[in-house]
Amino acid sequence: MSILIDATTTFIVQGITGREAVNLTRECLDYGKGAQVVGGVTPGRKGRDVHGVPVFDTVDQAVAHHGRPIDGSVVTVPPAFTKDAVFEAIENGVKLVVIVTERIPRRDVAEMVELAALRGARIIGPNCLGIIVPDVVKMGGIGGPAKDAAKSYTRGPIGVISRSGGMTTEMSSTLSAAGLGQSTAVSIGGDAIIGSTYAELMPLFEADEETEGIVIYTEPGGRMEAELARWVTENDSRLPVVAFMAGRFMDEMPGMSFGHAGTIVEGKEDTASEKIARLAEAGITVAEEISQIPEIMKAKLNERSAAA
């Protein structure tokens, strides 16, 4: 099993004729069993195709051509037009929207997330690389070209959730090298406001029979770790969780931010040390180095197995 997507998931690419989107489409078509990319949308480009994928002016046209609802969309359009693209997808019945675009105005992101909630849809991102089910399908640029993704991601029992797209692959590669494959890996995005947090994805992994543990990559800034710790505790999660906290040096540099827009530390609760403490209280181990994650996870899985 997997979460969010599988081999039958249909999706479109909005902004498909852009250079990044052309490459992304090729990567998705080539990976695993081949993604079901049923159309692309770029206004004014109807009638063209990208790697055999038909291009339309609107999402409505893509849905009409497909003849039934389309499950998802990968959005790669410029920041100023992202909100319109996402609204168009959701209003045409798309239930899973992966937003690759970064530097989108926060108000636009908040409005997109609100509409998704109202329509029963889910947003992954923005500023993310998407979702991958190893050896099966990927939706977005996660893992890069298919041949590279195949080297880093292997099928197995560990769910991966990461703020950083690149670190999603790094952690998965480290797990794979240690014999721990992944059930689903999700790059959730590094912006201050995102569509799906750790805690919001946990129920999906919890319900997935294949998933036996979770690895997360996190950073200073924001309150998502507190939400995760609370969810794990309140729901008595069956899944052992191992985390890696980047940017610990920021605690010694007040006012400093790096990398993602979400790493702005506004108070004590946002600091790395406070987050690590909260996670530890919930039984979540924070590794000092990424290389330690596999052995920590193996130990936790063995403990669960012995206690069962």
C-alpha atoms as a PDB file:
ATOM      1  CA  MET A   1       0.000   0.000   0.000  1.00  0.00           C
ATOM      2  CA  SER A   2       0.933   3.674   0.036  1.00  0.00           C
ATOM      3  CA  ILE A   3      -0.569   7.027   0.915  1.00  0.00           C
ATOM      4  CA  LEU A   4      -1.884   9.798  -1.342  1.00  0.00           C
ATOM      5  CA  ILE A   5      -0.956   8.195  -4.691  1.00  0.00           C
ATOM      6  CA  ASP A   6      -0.569   4.800  -6.341  1.00  0.00           C
ATOM      7  CA  ALA A   7      -0.125   3.353  -9.831  1.00  0.00           C
ATOM      8  CA  THR A   8      -3.713   4.242 -10.772  1.00  0.00           C
ATOM      9  CA  THR A   9      -3.537   7.918  -9.778  1.00  0.00           C
ATOM     10  CA  THR A  10      -4.263  10.253 -12.682  1.00  0.00           C
ATOM     11  CA  PHE A  11      -2.883  13.765 -12.734  1.00  0.00           C
ATOM     12  CA  ILE A  12      -2.199  16.790 -14.885  1.00  0.00           C
ATOM     13  CA  VAL A  13       0.713  19.216 -14.951  1.00  0.00           C
ATOM     14  CA  GLN A  14      -0.267  22.888 -14.888  1.00  0.00           C
ATOM     15  CA  GLY A  15       2.338  24.994 -16.649  1.00  0.00           C
ATOM     16  CA  ILE A  16       3.474  21.892 -18.534  1.00  0.00           C
ATOM     17  CA  THR A  17       5.213  23.724 -21.379  1.00  0.00           C
ATOM     18  CA  GLY A  18       7.697  25.434 -19.064  1.00  0.00           C
ATOM     19  CA  ARG A  19      11.263  24.064 -19.081  1.00  0.00           C
ATOM     20  CA  GLU A  20      11.099  22.682 -15.533  1.00  0.00           C
ATOM     21  CA  ALA A  21       7.684  21.146 -16.133  1.00  0.00           C
ATOM     22  CA  VAL A  22       8.791  19.488 -19.375  1.00  0.00           C
ATOM     23  CA  ASN A  23      11.608  17.746 -17.491  1.00  0.00           C
ATOM     24  CA  LEU A  24       9.356  16.898 -14.552  1.00  0.00           C
ATOM     25  CA  THR A  25       6.788  15.307 -16.862  1.00  0.00           C
ATOM     26  CA  ARG A  26       9.444  13.135 -18.498  1.00  0.00           C
ATOM     27  CA  GLU A  27      10.728  12.020 -15.082  1.00  0.00           C
ATOM     28  CA  CYS A  28       7.241  11.015 -13.913  1.00  0.00           C
ATOM     29  CA  LEU A  29       6.466   9.127 -17.117  1.00  0.00           C
ATOM     30  CA  ASP A  30       9.743   7.207 -16.922  1.00  0.00           C
ATOM     31  CA  TYR A  31       9.678   6.262 -13.235  1.00  0.00           C
ATOM     32  CA  GLY A  32       8.392   2.951 -11.882  1.00  0.00           C
ATOM     33  CA  LYS A  33       5.319   1.731 -13.695  1.00  0.00           C
ATOM     34  CA  GLY A  34       4.939   5.121 -15.386  1.00  0.00           C
ATOM     35  CA  ALA A  35       2.736   7.880 -14.007  1.00  0.00           C
ATOM     36  CA  GLN A  36      -0.753   8.387 -15.425  1.00  0.00           C
ATOM     37  CA  VAL A  37      -0.157  11.951 -16.659  1.00  0.00           C
ATOM     38  CA  VAL A  38      -3.385  12.481 -18.576  1.00  0.00           C
ATOM     39  CA  GLY A  39      -2.924  16.080 -19.635  1.00  0.00           C
ATOM     40  CA  GLY A  40      -1.154  19.366 -19.231  1.00  0.00           C
ATOM     41  CA  VAL A  41      -2.432  22.932 -19.010  1.00  0.00           C
ATOM     42  CA  THR A  42      -0.841  26.066 -20.444  1.00  0.00           C
ATOM     43  CA  PRO A  43      -3.216  28.814 -21.631  1.00  0.00           C
ATOM     44  CA  GLY A  44      -2.817  29.429 -25.362  1.00  0.00           C
ATOM     45  CA  ARG A  45      -1.030  26.132 -26.030  1.00  0.00           C
ATOM     46  CA  LYS A  46      -3.980  23.822 -26.636  1.00  0.00           C
ATOM     47  CA  GLY A  47      -3.291  21.205 -29.308  1.00  0.00           C
ATOM     48  CA  ARG A  48       0.373  20.739 -28.494  1.00  0.00           C
ATOM     49  CA  ASP A  49       1.832  17.826 -26.587  1.00  0.00           C
ATOM     50  CA  VAL A  50       4.706  17.284 -24.157  1.00  0.00           C
ATOM     51  CA  HIS A  51       6.251  13.808 -24.359  1.00  0.00           C
ATOM     52  CA  GLY A  52       2.953  12.578 -25.761  1.00  0.00           C
ATOM     53  CA  VAL A  53       0.855  14.277 -23.054  1.00  0.00           C
ATOM     54  CA  PRO A  54      -1.864  16.464 -24.617  1.00  0.00           C
ATOM     55  CA  VAL A  55      -1.867  20.152 -23.689  1.00  0.00           C
ATOM     56  CA  PHE A  56      -5.011  22.177 -22.992  1.00  0.00           C
ATOM     57  CA  ASP A  57      -5.841  25.802 -22.294  1.00  0.00           C
ATOM     58  CA  THR A  58      -7.824  25.022 -19.125  1.00  0.00           C
ATOM     59  CA  VAL A  59      -8.271  22.335 -16.493  1.00  0.00           C
ATOM     60  CA  ASP A  60     -11.908  22.023 -17.554  1.00  0.00           C
ATOM     61  CA  GLN A  61     -10.783  21.033 -21.052  1.00  0.00           C
ATOM     62  CA  ALA A  62      -8.370  18.455 -19.618  1.00  0.00           C
ATOM     63  CA  VAL A  63     -11.104  16.898 -17.486  1.00  0.00           C
ATOM     64  CA  ALA A  64     -13.527  16.840 -20.416  1.00  0.00           C
ATOM     65  CA  HIS A  65     -10.941  15.150 -22.623  1.00  0.00           C
ATOM     66  CA  HIS A  66     -10.186  12.562 -19.932  1.00  0.00           C
ATOM     67  CA  GLY A  67     -13.895  11.839 -19.596  1.00  0.00           C
ATOM     68  CA  ARG A  68     -13.937  11.481 -15.824  1.00  0.00           C
ATOM     69  CA  PRO A  69     -12.541  13.251 -12.738  1.00  0.00           C
ATOM     70  CA  ILE A  70      -8.769  13.686 -12.539  1.00  0.00           C
ATOM     71  CA  ASP A  71      -7.180  12.796  -9.210  1.00  0.00           C
ATOM     72  CA  GLY A  72      -4.342  15.296  -8.980  1.00  0.00           C
ATOM     73  CA  SER A  73      -2.358  18.187 -10.371  1.00  0.00           C
ATOM     74  CA  VAL A  74       1.279  19.242 -10.224  1.00  0.00           C
ATOM     75  CA  VAL A  75       1.392  23.044 -10.306  1.00  0.00           C
ATOM     76  CA  THR A  76       4.533  24.639 -11.755  1.00  0.00           C
ATOM     77  CA  VAL A  77       3.245  28.049 -12.833  1.00  0.00           C
ATOM     78  CA  PRO A  78       4.889  31.357 -11.719  1.00  0.00           C
ATOM     79  CA  PRO A  79       4.068  32.650  -8.205  1.00  0.00           C
ATOM     80  CA  ALA A  80       1.750  35.429  -9.394  1.00  0.00           C
ATOM     81  CA  PHE A  81      -0.507  32.907 -11.154  1.00  0.00           C
ATOM     82  CA  THR A  82      -0.323  29.981  -8.744  1.00  0.00           C
ATOM     83  CA  LYS A  83      -3.457  30.820  -6.773  1.00  0.00           C
ATOM     84  CA  ASP A  84      -5.569  31.014  -9.924  1.00  0.00           C
ATOM     85  CA  ALA A  85      -4.152  27.693 -11.142  1.00  0.00           C
ATOM     86  CA  VAL A  86      -4.820  25.938  -7.841  1.00  0.00           C
ATOM     87  CA  PHE A  87      -8.331  27.388  -7.568  1.00  0.00           C
ATOM     88  CA  GLU A  88      -9.036  26.219 -11.125  1.00  0.00           C
ATOM     89  CA  ALA A  89      -7.836  22.690 -10.334  1.00  0.00           C
ATOM     90  CA  ILE A  90      -9.816  22.383  -7.109  1.00  0.00           C
ATOM     91  CA  GLU A  91     -13.005  23.834  -8.606  1.00  0.00           C
ATOM     92  CA  ASN A  92     -12.756  21.223 -11.366  1.00  0.00           C
ATOM     93  CA  GLY A  93     -12.747  18.347  -8.887  1.00  0.00           C
ATOM     94  CA  VAL A  94      -9.020  17.741  -8.423  1.00  0.00           C
ATOM     95  CA  LYS A  95      -8.485  16.410  -4.883  1.00  0.00           C
ATOM     96  CA  LEU A  96      -4.670  16.365  -4.625  1.00  0.00           C
ATOM     97  CA  VAL A  97      -2.603  19.408  -5.605  1.00  0.00           C
ATOM     98  CA  VAL A  98       1.200  19.324  -5.467  1.00  0.00           C
ATOM     99  CA  ILE A  99       2.577  22.869  -5.653  1.00  0.00           C
ATOM    100  CA  VAL A 100       6.185  23.016  -6.823  1.00  0.00           C
ATOM    101  CA  THR A 101       6.278  26.823  -7.098  1.00  0.00           C
ATOM    102  CA  GLU A 102       8.036  28.810  -4.374  1.00  0.00           C
ATOM    103  CA  ARG A 103       7.887  32.472  -3.281  1.00  0.00           C
ATOM    104  CA  ILE A 104       4.095  32.550  -3.464  1.00  0.00           C
ATOM    105  CA  PRO A 105       2.567  35.397  -1.409  1.00  0.00           C
ATOM    106  CA  ARG A 106       1.476  34.065   1.991  1.00  0.00           C
ATOM    107  CA  ARG A 107      -2.033  35.423   1.646  1.00  0.00           C
ATOM    108  CA  ASP A 108      -2.442  33.482  -1.608  1.00  0.00           C
ATOM    109  CA  VAL A 109      -1.230  30.293   0.072  1.00  0.00           C
ATOM    110  CA  ALA A 110      -3.625  30.786   2.983  1.00  0.00           C
ATOM    111  CA  GLU A 111      -6.529  31.231   0.570  1.00  0.00           C
ATOM    112  CA  MET A 112      -5.543  28.116  -1.396  1.00  0.00           C
ATOM    113  CA  VAL A 113      -5.334  26.025   1.760  1.00  0.00           C
ATOM    114  CA  GLU A 114      -8.722  27.346   2.922  1.00  0.00           C
ATOM    115  CA  LEU A 115     -10.399  26.502  -0.396  1.00  0.00           C
ATOM    116  CA  ALA A 116      -8.883  23.013  -0.355  1.00  0.00           C
ATOM    117  CA  ALA A 117     -10.330  22.427   3.102  1.00  0.00           C
ATOM    118  CA  LEU A 118     -13.747  23.624   1.973  1.00  0.00           C
ATOM    119  CA  ARG A 119     -13.721  21.347  -1.083  1.00  0.00           C
ATOM    120  CA  GLY A 120     -12.280  18.261   0.594  1.00  0.00           C
ATOM    121  CA  ALA A 121      -9.026  18.524  -1.335  1.00  0.00           C
ATOM    122  CA  ARG A 122      -5.425  18.283  -0.121  1.00  0.00           C
ATOM    123  CA  ILE A 123      -2.451  20.489  -0.958  1.00  0.00           C
ATOM    124  CA  ILE A 124       1.154  19.307  -0.754  1.00  0.00           C
ATOM    125  CA  GLY A 125       3.582  22.256  -0.759  1.00  0.00           C
ATOM    126  CA  PRO A 126       4.143  24.920  -1.907  1.00  0.00           C
ATOM    127  CA  ASN A 127       7.903  24.913  -2.492  1.00  0.00           C
ATOM    128  CA  CYS A 128       8.039  21.122  -2.544  1.00  0.00           C
ATOM    129  CA  LEU A 129       9.211  18.346  -4.851  1.00  0.00           C
ATOM    130  CA  GLY A 130       6.179  16.109  -4.472  1.00  0.00           C
ATOM    131  CA  ILE A 131       5.440  12.484  -3.573  1.00  0.00           C
ATOM    132  CA  ILE A 132       7.013   9.148  -4.444  1.00  0.00           C
ATOM    133  CA  VAL A 133       5.951   5.549  -3.923  1.00  0.00           C
ATOM    134  CA  PRO A 134       9.192   3.651  -4.537  1.00  0.00           C
ATOM    135  CA  ASP A 135       9.293   1.432  -7.636  1.00  0.00           C
ATOM    136  CA  VAL A 136       5.703   2.392  -8.439  1.00  0.00           C
ATOM    137  CA  VAL A 137       5.048   6.076  -9.203  1.00  0.00           C
ATOM    138  CA  LYS A 138       6.105   9.612  -8.452  1.00  0.00           C
ATOM    139  CA  MET A 139       4.184  12.854  -8.683  1.00  0.00           C
ATOM    140  CA  GLY A 140       6.540  15.816  -8.997  1.00  0.00           C
ATOM    141  CA  GLY A 141      10.279  16.238  -9.384  1.00  0.00           C
ATOM    142  CA  ILE A 142      11.177  14.280  -6.253  1.00  0.00           C
ATOM    143  CA  GLY A 143      14.278  12.149  -6.718  1.00  0.00           C
ATOM    144  CA  GLY A 144      15.139  13.752 -10.057  1.00  0.00           C
ATOM    145  CA  PRO A 145      15.428  11.672 -13.255  1.00  0.00           C
ATOM    146  CA  ALA A 146      13.926   8.192 -13.013  1.00  0.00           C
ATOM    147  CA  LYS A 147      17.299   6.422 -13.034  1.00  0.00           C
ATOM    148  CA  ASP A 148      18.501   8.538 -10.093  1.00  0.00           C
ATOM    149  CA  ALA A 149      15.262   8.137  -8.144  1.00  0.00           C
ATOM    150  CA  ALA A 150      15.539   4.372  -8.569  1.00  0.00           C
ATOM    151  CA  LYS A 151      18.946   4.442  -6.869  1.00  0.00           C
ATOM    152  CA  SER A 152      17.761   6.383  -3.810  1.00  0.00           C
ATOM    153  CA  TYR A 153      14.260   5.028  -3.177  1.00  0.00           C
ATOM    154  CA  THR A 154      13.417   1.387  -2.475  1.00  0.00           C
ATOM    155  CA  ARG A 155      10.173  -0.296  -1.471  1.00  0.00           C
ATOM    156  CA  GLY A 156       9.753  -0.929   2.228  1.00  0.00           C
ATOM    157  CA  PRO A 157       8.048  -0.091   5.536  1.00  0.00           C
ATOM    158  CA  ILE A 158       9.287   3.415   6.408  1.00  0.00           C
ATOM    159  CA  GLY A 159       7.300   6.568   5.690  1.00  0.00           C
ATOM    160  CA  VAL A 160       9.361   9.706   5.067  1.00  0.00           C
ATOM    161  CA  ILE A 161       8.148  13.284   5.546  1.00  0.00           C
ATOM    162  CA  SER A 162      10.508  16.194   4.924  1.00  0.00           C
ATOM    163  CA  ARG A 163      10.468  19.981   4.753  1.00  0.00           C
ATOM    164  CA  SER A 164      13.336  19.831   2.252  1.00  0.00           C
ATOM    165  CA  GLY A 165      12.948  18.205  -1.136  1.00  0.00           C
ATOM    166  CA  GLY A 166      16.610  17.325  -1.418  1.00  0.00           C
ATOM    167  CA  MET A 167      16.748  15.924   2.098  1.00  0.00           C
ATOM    168  CA  THR A 168      13.746  13.709   1.359  1.00  0.00           C
ATOM    169  CA  THR A 169      15.987  11.921  -1.112  1.00  0.00           C
ATOM    170  CA  GLU A 170      19.056  12.035   1.152  1.00  0.00           C
ATOM    171  CA  MET A 171      17.230  10.434   4.065  1.00  0.00           C
ATOM    172  CA  SER A 172      15.549   7.856   1.843  1.00  0.00           C
ATOM    173  CA  SER A 173      18.876   6.964   0.263  1.00  0.00           C
ATOM    174  CA  THR A 174      20.403   6.505   3.712  1.00  0.00           C
ATOM    175  CA  LEU A 175      17.520   4.265   4.739  1.00  0.00           C
ATOM    176  CA  SER A 176      17.747   2.270   1.509  1.00  0.00           C
ATOM    177  CA  ALA A 177      21.479   1.672   1.971  1.00  0.00           C
ATOM    178  CA  ALA A 178      20.692   0.201   5.394  1.00  0.00           C
ATOM    179  CA  GLY A 179      18.002  -2.103   4.036  1.00  0.00           C
ATOM    180  CA  LEU A 180      15.047   0.022   5.128  1.00  0.00           C
ATOM    181  CA  GLY A 181      12.871   0.830   2.137  1.00  0.00           C
ATOM    182  CA  GLN A 182      10.112   3.413   2.054  1.00  0.00           C
ATOM    183  CA  SER A 183       6.341   3.008   1.791  1.00  0.00           C
ATOM    184  CA  THR A 184       5.781   6.607   0.660  1.00  0.00           C
ATOM    185  CA  ALA A 185       8.036   9.671   0.828  1.00  0.00           C
ATOM    186  CA  VAL A 186       6.492  13.147   0.886  1.00  0.00           C
ATOM    187  CA  SER A 187       8.274  16.470   0.396  1.00  0.00           C
ATOM    188  CA  ILE A 188       5.864  18.773   2.227  1.00  0.00           C
ATOM    189  CA  GLY A 189       7.556  22.094   1.412  1.00  0.00           C
ATOM    190  CA  GLY A 190       9.739  24.600   3.163  1.00  0.00           C
ATOM    191  CA  ASP A 191       7.523  27.693   3.182  1.00  0.00           C
ATOM    192  CA  ALA A 192       6.032  29.277   6.299  1.00  0.00           C
ATOM    193  CA  ILE A 193       2.510  28.198   5.280  1.00  0.00           C
ATOM    194  CA  ILE A 194       2.042  24.787   3.669  1.00  0.00           C
ATOM    195  CA  GLY A 195      -0.928  22.629   2.812  1.00  0.00           C
ATOM    196  CA  SER A 196      -0.115  19.444   4.743  1.00  0.00           C
ATOM    197  CA  THR A 197       1.913  19.220   7.956  1.00  0.00           C
ATOM    198  CA  TYR A 198       3.514  16.224   9.684  1.00  0.00           C
ATOM    199  CA  ALA A 199       0.510  15.823  11.974  1.00  0.00           C
ATOM    200  CA  GLU A 200      -1.939  16.037   9.070  1.00  0.00           C
ATOM    201  CA  LEU A 201      -0.153  13.234   7.200  1.00  0.00           C
ATOM    202  CA  MET A 202       0.301  10.970  10.220  1.00  0.00           C
ATOM    203  CA  PRO A 203      -3.263   9.549  10.157  1.00  0.00           C
ATOM    204  CA  LEU A 204      -2.692   8.414   6.566  1.00  0.00           C
ATOM    205  CA  PHE A 205       0.525   6.606   7.460  1.00  0.00           C
ATOM    206  CA  GLU A 206      -1.113   5.243  10.610  1.00  0.00           C
ATOM    207  CA  ALA A 207      -3.844   3.655   8.481  1.00  0.00           C
ATOM    208  CA  ASP A 208      -1.370   2.217   5.970  1.00  0.00           C
ATOM    209  CA  GLU A 209      -0.679  -1.420   6.801  1.00  0.00           C
ATOM    210  CA  GLU A 210       2.677  -1.376   5.006  1.00  0.00           C
ATOM    211  CA  THR A 211       4.105   1.512   7.029  1.00  0.00           C
ATOM    212  CA  GLU A 212       5.868   0.468  10.243  1.00  0.00           C
ATOM    213  CA  GLY A 213       7.811   3.614  11.122  1.00  0.00           C
ATOM    214  CA  ILE A 214       8.227   7.282  10.216  1.00  0.00           C
ATOM    215  CA  VAL A 215      11.319   9.384   9.570  1.00  0.00           C
ATOM    216  CA  ILE A 216      11.039  13.171   9.425  1.00  0.00           C
ATOM    217  CA  TYR A 217      13.406  15.968   8.443  1.00  0.00           C
ATOM    218  CA  THR A 218      12.666  19.195  10.223  1.00  0.00           C
ATOM    219  CA  GLU A 219      14.080  22.669  10.864  1.00  0.00           C
ATOM    220  CA  PRO A 220      13.801  25.545  13.357  1.00  0.00           C
ATOM    221  CA  GLY A 221      10.844  27.855  12.824  1.00  0.00           C
ATOM    222  CA  GLY A 222       7.118  27.239  13.033  1.00  0.00           C
ATOM    223  CA  ARG A 223       5.061  24.999  15.320  1.00  0.00           C
ATOM    224  CA  MET A 224       4.599  21.852  13.237  1.00  0.00           C
ATOM    225  CA  GLU A 225       6.769  19.718  15.506  1.00  0.00           C
ATOM    226  CA  ALA A 226       4.644  20.612  18.514  1.00  0.00           C
ATOM    227  CA  GLU A 227       1.561  19.551  16.546  1.00  0.00           C
ATOM    228  CA  LEU A 228       3.260  16.275  15.622  1.00  0.00           C
ATOM    229  CA  ALA A 229       4.287  15.553  19.207  1.00  0.00           C
ATOM    230  CA  ARG A 230       0.753  16.258  20.412  1.00  0.00           C
ATOM    231  CA  TRP A 231      -0.788  14.046  17.715  1.00  0.00           C
ATOM    232  CA  VAL A 232       1.545  11.126  18.450  1.00  0.00           C
ATOM    233  CA  THR A 233       0.794  11.368  22.164  1.00  0.00           C
ATOM    234  CA  GLU A 234      -2.953  11.895  21.971  1.00  0.00           C
ATOM    235  CA  ASN A 235      -3.465   9.137  19.417  1.00  0.00           C
ATOM    236  CA  ASP A 236      -1.064   6.651  20.995  1.00  0.00           C
ATOM    237  CA  SER A 237       0.537   6.146  17.604  1.00  0.00           C
ATOM    238  CA  ARG A 238       1.671   2.628  16.725  1.00  0.00           C
ATOM    239  CA  LEU A 239       4.444   4.080  14.558  1.00  0.00           C
ATOM    240  CA  PRO A 240       7.920   4.778  15.963  1.00  0.00           C
ATOM    241  CA  VAL A 241       9.165   8.168  14.758  1.00  0.00           C
ATOM    242  CA  VAL A 242      12.787   9.225  14.239  1.00  0.00           C
ATOM    243  CA  ALA A 243      13.618  12.832  13.376  1.00  0.00           C
ATOM    244  CA  PHE A 244      16.590  14.857  12.198  1.00  0.00           C
ATOM    245  CA  MET A 245      16.710  18.524  13.163  1.00  0.00           C
ATOM    246  CA  ALA A 246      18.742  20.736  10.836  1.00  0.00           C
ATOM    247  CA  GLY A 247      19.964  24.215  11.746  1.00  0.00           C
ATOM    248  CA  ARG A 248      20.650  23.715  15.447  1.00  0.00           C
ATOM    249  CA  PHE A 249      23.234  26.494  15.217  1.00  0.00           C
ATOM    250  CA  MET A 250      20.383  28.994  14.840  1.00  0.00           C
ATOM    251  CA  ASP A 251      19.737  28.823  18.590  1.00  0.00           C
ATOM    252  CA  GLU A 252      23.055  30.622  19.079  1.00  0.00           C
ATOM    253  CA  MET A 253      22.236  33.233  16.429  1.00  0.00           C
ATOM    254  CA  PRO A 254      18.982  35.036  17.390  1.00  0.00           C
ATOM    255  CA  GLY A 255      17.171  36.531  14.421  1.00  0.00           C
ATOM    256  CA  MET A 256      19.037  34.350  11.967  1.00  0.00           C
ATOM    257  CA  SER A 257      17.227  32.423   9.244  1.00  0.00           C
ATOM    258  CA  PHE A 258      18.525  30.181   6.501  1.00  0.00           C
ATOM    259  CA  GLY A 259      17.233  28.329   3.482  1.00  0.00           C
ATOM    260  CA  HIS A 260      13.470  27.959   3.635  1.00  0.00           C
ATOM    261  CA  ALA A 261      11.002  30.715   4.408  1.00  0.00           C
ATOM    262  CA  GLY A 262       9.596  28.536   7.164  1.00  0.00           C
ATOM    263  CA  THR A 263      12.782  28.761   9.272  1.00  0.00           C
ATOM    264  CA  ILE A 264      11.937  32.125  10.817  1.00  0.00           C
ATOM    265  CA  VAL A 265      12.218  31.735  14.612  1.00  0.00           C
ATOM    266  CA  GLU A 266       9.657  33.995  16.271  1.00  0.00           C
ATOM    267  CA  GLY A 267       9.847  32.714  19.845  1.00  0.00           C
ATOM    268  CA  LYS A 268      11.322  30.104  22.148  1.00  0.00           C
ATOM    269  CA  GLU A 269       8.886  27.443  20.947  1.00  0.00           C
ATOM    270  CA  ASP A 270      10.316  27.804  17.433  1.00  0.00           C
ATOM    271  CA  THR A 271      13.921  27.053  18.415  1.00  0.00           C
ATOM    272  CA  ALA A 272      15.685  23.806  17.620  1.00  0.00           C
ATOM    273  CA  SER A 273      16.372  22.957  21.265  1.00  0.00           C
ATOM    274  CA  GLU A 274      12.748  23.509  22.299  1.00  0.00           C
ATOM    275  CA  LYS A 275      11.492  21.433  19.389  1.00  0.00           C
ATOM    276  CA  ILE A 276      13.863  18.584  20.212  1.00  0.00           C
ATOM    277  CA  ALA A 277      12.625  18.608  23.810  1.00  0.00           C
ATOM    278  CA  ARG A 278       8.972  18.500  22.724  1.00  0.00           C
ATOM    279  CA  LEU A 279       9.625  15.642  20.333  1.00  0.00           C
ATOM    280  CA  ALA A 280      11.515  13.701  23.000  1.00  0.00           C
ATOM    281  CA  GLU A 281       8.591  14.069  25.419  1.00  0.00           C
ATOM    282  CA  ALA A 282       6.417  12.331  22.819  1.00  0.00           C
ATOM    283  CA  GLY A 283       8.899   9.476  22.454  1.00  0.00           C
ATOM    284  CA  ILE A 284      10.319  10.758  19.176  1.00  0.00           C
ATOM    285  CA  THR A 285      14.095  10.319  18.973  1.00  0.00           C
ATOM    286  CA  VAL A 286      16.062  13.101  17.289  1.00  0.00           C
ATOM    287  CA  ALA A 287      19.233  11.816  15.641  1.00  0.00           C
ATOM    288  CA  GLU A 288      22.433  13.841  15.895  1.00  0.00           C
ATOM    289  CA  GLU A 289      23.382  12.824  12.351  1.00  0.00           C
ATOM    290  CA  ILE A 290      21.400  11.503   9.400  1.00  0.00           C
ATOM    291  CA  SER A 291      23.673   8.459   9.269  1.00  0.00           C
ATOM    292  CA  GLN A 292      22.347   7.418  12.704  1.00  0.00           C
ATOM    293  CA  ILE A 293      18.708   7.266  11.597  1.00  0.00           C
ATOM    294  CA  PRO A 294      18.642   3.680  10.242  1.00  0.00           C
ATOM    295  CA  GLU A 295      20.097   2.095  13.381  1.00  0.00           C
ATOM    296  CA  ILE A 296      17.819   4.126  15.638  1.00  0.00           C
ATOM    297  CA  MET A 297      14.818   3.091  13.565  1.00  0.00           C
ATOM    298  CA  LYS A 298      15.855  -0.568  13.541  1.00  0.00           C
ATOM    299  CA  ALA A 299      16.158  -0.500  17.333  1.00  0.00           C
ATOM    300  CA  LYS A 300      12.702   1.051  17.680  1.00  0.00           C
ATOM    301  CA  LEU A 301      11.167  -1.503  15.311  1.00  0.00           C
ATOM    302  CA  ASN A 302      12.776  -4.329  17.284  1.00  0.00           C
ATOM    303  CA  GLU A 303      11.402  -2.877  20.533  1.00  0.00           C
ATOM    304  CA  ARG A 304       7.894  -2.720  19.077  1.00  0.00           C
ATOM    305  CA  SER A 305       8.194  -6.269  17.764  1.00  0.00           C
ATOM    306  CA  ALA A 306       9.379  -7.598  21.120  1.00  0.00           C
ATOM    307  CA  ALA A 307       6.550  -5.830  22.959  1.00  0.00           C
ATOM    308  CA  ALA A 308       3.865  -7.104  20.569  1.00  0.00           C
END
